[in-house]
Structures are given as structure tokens and as C-alpha cells.
C-alpha atoms as a PDB file:
ATOM      1  CA  UNK A   1     -19.096  -1.417  10.833  1.00  0.00           C
ATOM      2  CA  UNK A   2     -19.065  -3.124   7.851  1.00  0.00           C
ATOM      3  CA  UNK A   3     -18.251  -6.675   7.226  1.00  0.00           C
ATOM      4  CA  UNK A   4     -17.026  -8.496   3.998  1.00  0.00           C
ATOM      5  CA  UNK A   5     -20.513  -9.843   3.191  1.00  0.00           C
ATOM      6  CA  UNK A   6     -21.959  -6.268   3.621  1.00  0.00           C
ATOM      7  CA  UNK A   7     -19.505  -4.823   0.781  1.00  0.00           C
ATOM      8  CA  UNK A   8     -19.096  -8.021  -1.333  1.00  0.00           C
ATOM      9  CA  UNK A   9     -21.868  -9.431  -2.895  1.00  0.00           C
ATOM     10  CA  UNK A  10     -21.423 -12.741  -4.411  1.00  0.00           C
ATOM     11  CA  UNK A  11     -23.304 -13.073  -7.673  1.00  0.00           C
ATOM     12  CA  UNK A  12     -24.607 -16.174  -9.059  1.00  0.00           C
ATOM     13  CA  UNK A  13     -22.537 -18.185 -11.729  1.00  0.00           C
ATOM     14  CA  UNK A  14     -24.750 -18.388 -15.157  1.00  0.00           C
ATOM     15  CA  UNK A  15     -23.806 -19.577 -18.459  1.00  0.00           C
ATOM     16  CA  UNK A  16     -23.835 -16.975 -21.304  1.00  0.00           C
ATOM     17  CA  UNK A  17     -26.666 -16.901 -23.647  1.00  0.00           C
ATOM     18  CA  UNK A  18     -26.574 -16.490 -27.618  1.00  0.00           C
ATOM     19  CA  UNK A  19     -27.815 -13.162 -26.882  1.00  0.00           C
ATOM     20  CA  UNK A  20     -25.404 -11.890 -24.641  1.00  0.00           C
ATOM     21  CA  UNK A  21     -22.644 -13.451 -26.924  1.00  0.00           C
ATOM     22  CA  UNK A  22     -24.048 -11.158 -29.741  1.00  0.00           C
ATOM     23  CA  UNK A  23     -24.081  -8.324 -27.515  1.00  0.00           C
ATOM     24  CA  UNK A  24     -20.691  -8.885 -26.819  1.00  0.00           C
ATOM     25  CA  UNK A  25     -19.606  -9.146 -30.445  1.00  0.00           C
ATOM     26  CA  UNK A  26     -21.776  -5.453 -31.219  1.00  0.00           C
ATOM     27  CA  UNK A  27     -20.522  -3.760 -27.772  1.00  0.00           C
ATOM     28  CA  UNK A  28     -16.483  -4.695 -29.100  1.00  0.00           C
ATOM     29  CA  UNK A  29     -17.448  -3.364 -32.360  1.00  0.00           C
ATOM     30  CA  UNK A  30     -18.786   0.104 -31.295  1.00  0.00           C
ATOM     31  CA  UNK A  31     -16.390   0.435 -28.385  1.00  0.00           C
ATOM     32  CA  UNK A  32     -13.086  -0.746 -29.434  1.00  0.00           C
ATOM     33  CA  UNK A  33     -13.780  -1.451 -33.602  1.00  0.00           C
ATOM     34  CA  UNK A  34     -10.094  -2.483 -35.322  1.00  0.00           C
ATOM     35  CA  UNK A  35      -8.522  -2.922 -32.070  1.00  0.00           C
ATOM     36  CA  UNK A  36      -6.765  -6.391 -31.997  1.00  0.00           C
ATOM     37  CA  UNK A  37      -7.029  -7.440 -29.269  1.00  0.00           C
ATOM     38  CA  UNK A  38      -9.689  -5.340 -27.778  1.00  0.00           C
ATOM     39  CA  UNK A  39      -8.982  -3.625 -24.532  1.00  0.00           C
ATOM     40  CA  UNK A  40     -11.501  -1.254 -23.456  1.00  0.00           C
ATOM     41  CA  UNK A  41     -13.541  -3.870 -21.466  1.00  0.00           C
ATOM     42  CA  UNK A  42     -15.351  -1.180 -19.014  1.00  0.00           C
ATOM     43  CA  UNK A  43     -16.863   0.563 -21.632  1.00  0.00           C
ATOM     44  CA  UNK A  44     -17.665  -2.749 -23.689  1.00  0.00           C
ATOM     45  CA  UNK A  45     -19.356  -4.502 -20.119  1.00  0.00           C
ATOM     46  CA  UNK A  46     -21.758  -1.339 -19.993  1.00  0.00           C
ATOM     47  CA  UNK A  47     -23.920  -2.868 -22.924  1.00  0.00           C
ATOM     48  CA  UNK A  48     -24.291  -6.179 -21.430  1.00  0.00           C
ATOM     49  CA  UNK A  49     -26.363  -6.220 -18.334  1.00  0.00           C
ATOM     50  CA  UNK A  50     -25.230  -8.261 -15.511  1.00  0.00           C
ATOM     51  CA  UNK A  51     -21.854  -8.987 -16.755  1.00  0.00           C
ATOM     52  CA  UNK A  52     -18.637  -7.410 -15.557  1.00  0.00           C
ATOM     53  CA  UNK A  53     -15.638  -6.549 -17.540  1.00  0.00           C
ATOM     54  CA  UNK A  54     -13.934  -9.193 -16.478  1.00  0.00           C
ATOM     55  CA  UNK A  55     -17.036 -11.588 -17.575  1.00  0.00           C
ATOM     56  CA  UNK A  56     -16.745  -9.612 -20.883  1.00  0.00           C
ATOM     57  CA  UNK A  57     -13.234 -10.030 -21.229  1.00  0.00           C
ATOM     58  CA  UNK A  58     -13.008 -13.976 -20.059  1.00  0.00           C
ATOM     59  CA  UNK A  59     -16.065 -14.593 -22.298  1.00  0.00           C
ATOM     60  CA  UNK A  60     -13.845 -13.203 -25.185  1.00  0.00           C
ATOM     61  CA  UNK A  61     -10.713 -14.849 -24.533  1.00  0.00           C
ATOM     62  CA  UNK A  62     -12.119 -18.118 -23.693  1.00  0.00           C
ATOM     63  CA  UNK A  63     -14.684 -18.694 -26.146  1.00  0.00           C
ATOM     64  CA  UNK A  64     -15.120 -16.064 -28.652  1.00  0.00           C
ATOM     65  CA  UNK A  65     -11.806 -14.924 -30.221  1.00  0.00           C
ATOM     66  CA  UNK A  66     -11.224 -16.308 -33.256  1.00  0.00           C
ATOM     67  CA  UNK A  67      -7.682 -16.698 -33.241  1.00  0.00           C
ATOM     68  CA  UNK A  68      -8.082 -19.216 -30.176  1.00  0.00           C
ATOM     69  CA  UNK A  69      -8.208 -23.246 -31.190  1.00  0.00           C
ATOM     70  CA  UNK A  70     -10.222 -25.649 -29.342  1.00  0.00           C
ATOM     71  CA  UNK A  71     -10.085 -29.482 -29.611  1.00  0.00           C
ATOM     72  CA  UNK A  72      -6.914 -31.525 -30.414  1.00  0.00           C
ATOM     73  CA  UNK A  73      -3.599 -29.854 -31.181  1.00  0.00           C
ATOM     74  CA  UNK A  74      -1.745 -30.053 -34.173  1.00  0.00           C
ATOM     75  CA  UNK A  75       1.353 -31.140 -34.650  1.00  0.00           C
ATOM     76  CA  UNK A  76       2.657 -27.539 -35.294  1.00  0.00           C
ATOM     77  CA  UNK A  77       0.889 -26.466 -32.223  1.00  0.00           C
ATOM     78  CA  UNK A  78       2.898 -29.179 -30.369  1.00  0.00           C
ATOM     79  CA  UNK A  79       6.378 -27.679 -31.780  1.00  0.00           C
ATOM     80  CA  UNK A  80       5.496 -24.226 -30.920  1.00  0.00           C
ATOM     81  CA  UNK A  81       4.557 -25.281 -27.551  1.00  0.00           C
ATOM     82  CA  UNK A  82       7.751 -27.203 -26.891  1.00  0.00           C
ATOM     83  CA  UNK A  83       9.653 -24.610 -28.088  1.00  0.00           C
ATOM     84  CA  UNK A  84       7.905 -21.936 -26.015  1.00  0.00           C
ATOM     85  CA  UNK A  85       8.427 -23.934 -23.007  1.00  0.00           C
ATOM     86  CA  UNK A  86      12.034 -24.420 -23.751  1.00  0.00           C
ATOM     87  CA  UNK A  87      12.778 -20.735 -23.694  1.00  0.00           C
ATOM     88  CA  UNK A  88       9.737 -19.324 -20.997  1.00  0.00           C
ATOM     89  CA  UNK A  89       9.479 -22.041 -18.964  1.00  0.00           C
ATOM     90  CA  UNK A  90       5.723 -22.534 -17.483  1.00  0.00           C
ATOM     91  CA  UNK A  91       5.104 -18.736 -18.095  1.00  0.00           C
ATOM     92  CA  UNK A  92       1.752 -19.469 -19.662  1.00  0.00           C
ATOM     93  CA  UNK A  93       0.588 -16.057 -20.554  1.00  0.00           C
ATOM     94  CA  UNK A  94       3.699 -15.670 -22.503  1.00  0.00           C
ATOM     95  CA  UNK A  95       4.082 -19.353 -23.784  1.00  0.00           C
ATOM     96  CA  UNK A  96       0.413 -19.392 -25.497  1.00  0.00           C
ATOM     97  CA  UNK A  97       1.038 -15.543 -26.874  1.00  0.00           C
ATOM     98  CA  UNK A  98       4.028 -17.644 -28.776  1.00  0.00           C
ATOM     99  CA  UNK A  99       1.842 -20.557 -29.475  1.00  0.00           C
ATOM    100  CA  UNK A 100      -0.559 -17.936 -30.817  1.00  0.00           C
ATOM    101  CA  UNK A 101      -3.462 -20.051 -31.439  1.00  0.00           C
ATOM    102  CA  UNK A 102      -4.092 -21.112 -27.720  1.00  0.00           C
ATOM    103  CA  UNK A 103      -4.833 -19.006 -24.603  1.00  0.00           C
ATOM    104  CA  UNK A 104      -3.196 -19.469 -21.517  1.00  0.00           C
ATOM    105  CA  UNK A 105      -5.688 -21.837 -19.599  1.00  0.00           C
ATOM    106  CA  UNK A 106      -5.422 -24.179 -22.688  1.00  0.00           C
ATOM    107  CA  UNK A 107      -1.876 -23.938 -22.653  1.00  0.00           C
ATOM    108  CA  UNK A 108      -1.269 -25.034 -19.031  1.00  0.00           C
ATOM    109  CA  UNK A 109      -3.751 -27.985 -19.540  1.00  0.00           C
ATOM    110  CA  UNK A 110      -2.569 -29.262 -22.766  1.00  0.00           C
ATOM    111  CA  UNK A 111      -1.653 -32.989 -22.953  1.00  0.00           C
ATOM    112  CA  UNK A 112       2.107 -31.457 -22.446  1.00  0.00           C
ATOM    113  CA  UNK A 113       4.041 -34.347 -20.936  1.00  0.00           C
ATOM    114  CA  UNK A 114       5.021 -33.277 -17.245  1.00  0.00           C
ATOM    115  CA  UNK A 115       8.214 -35.263 -17.381  1.00  0.00           C
ATOM    116  CA  UNK A 116       9.448 -32.653 -20.214  1.00  0.00           C
ATOM    117  CA  UNK A 117       9.273 -29.887 -17.655  1.00  0.00           C
ATOM    118  CA  UNK A 118      11.506 -31.678 -15.190  1.00  0.00           C
END
């Protein structure tokens, strides 16, 4: 009989290299050219050794997508955030889509006042 450890092989977490980032950009252009946003992550991941479709998707959305802003929030983004939370609550993926310049992780970890949610 197989144990969980026999089936699931944990992988070491490691930082993405500049070369992998370039491969990811090229793979997106090859496999999903013109798609906005990319969606063929299984095909894209085949171009980057030792990275899964989930790794590629998360890297793209967290670090590389040009529409995702990092750093301080602008007053316009804050207004869109407050408005989206008023309408949607804490459904962060939907809120992020409404804000448009931040992903769900950045939206949920913003300096959003907790008392605003109560």
C-alpha cells in the first residue's frame, strides 16, 4: 500500500531567475499570444523546466503582469477599493477585478482600515 509520502513529492521552494522570467514571457507569447489574460498555463509550463502550471500562473499574476501595481496605493485606487468592498464585501478576487490595478493578494493585504469592514 502507498503512503501519502510515496505519492506526493514535496518540492523545494526556490526563487525565480531572470532566465525563467524570460522563458515565461516567451512561453506565453508562443502558447497564448494575444490572450489577455493568459489562460493556457499547462502548455506554458511545459516551456519552463521544474515549474508547474500553478507556479507559472502565480508568478505571472503576482510579479509580472504589467497591469498589477506594487508599492503605495494611489488615492484613485483607494476610492475604487472602498467602492468595491461596499458592493462586494471581502470577496477579494472580485474586489481586485474591480480595482483593476492590484491582484487579490495585494487587495486583501492593503492598508484597508479594519474598522471600515465592521
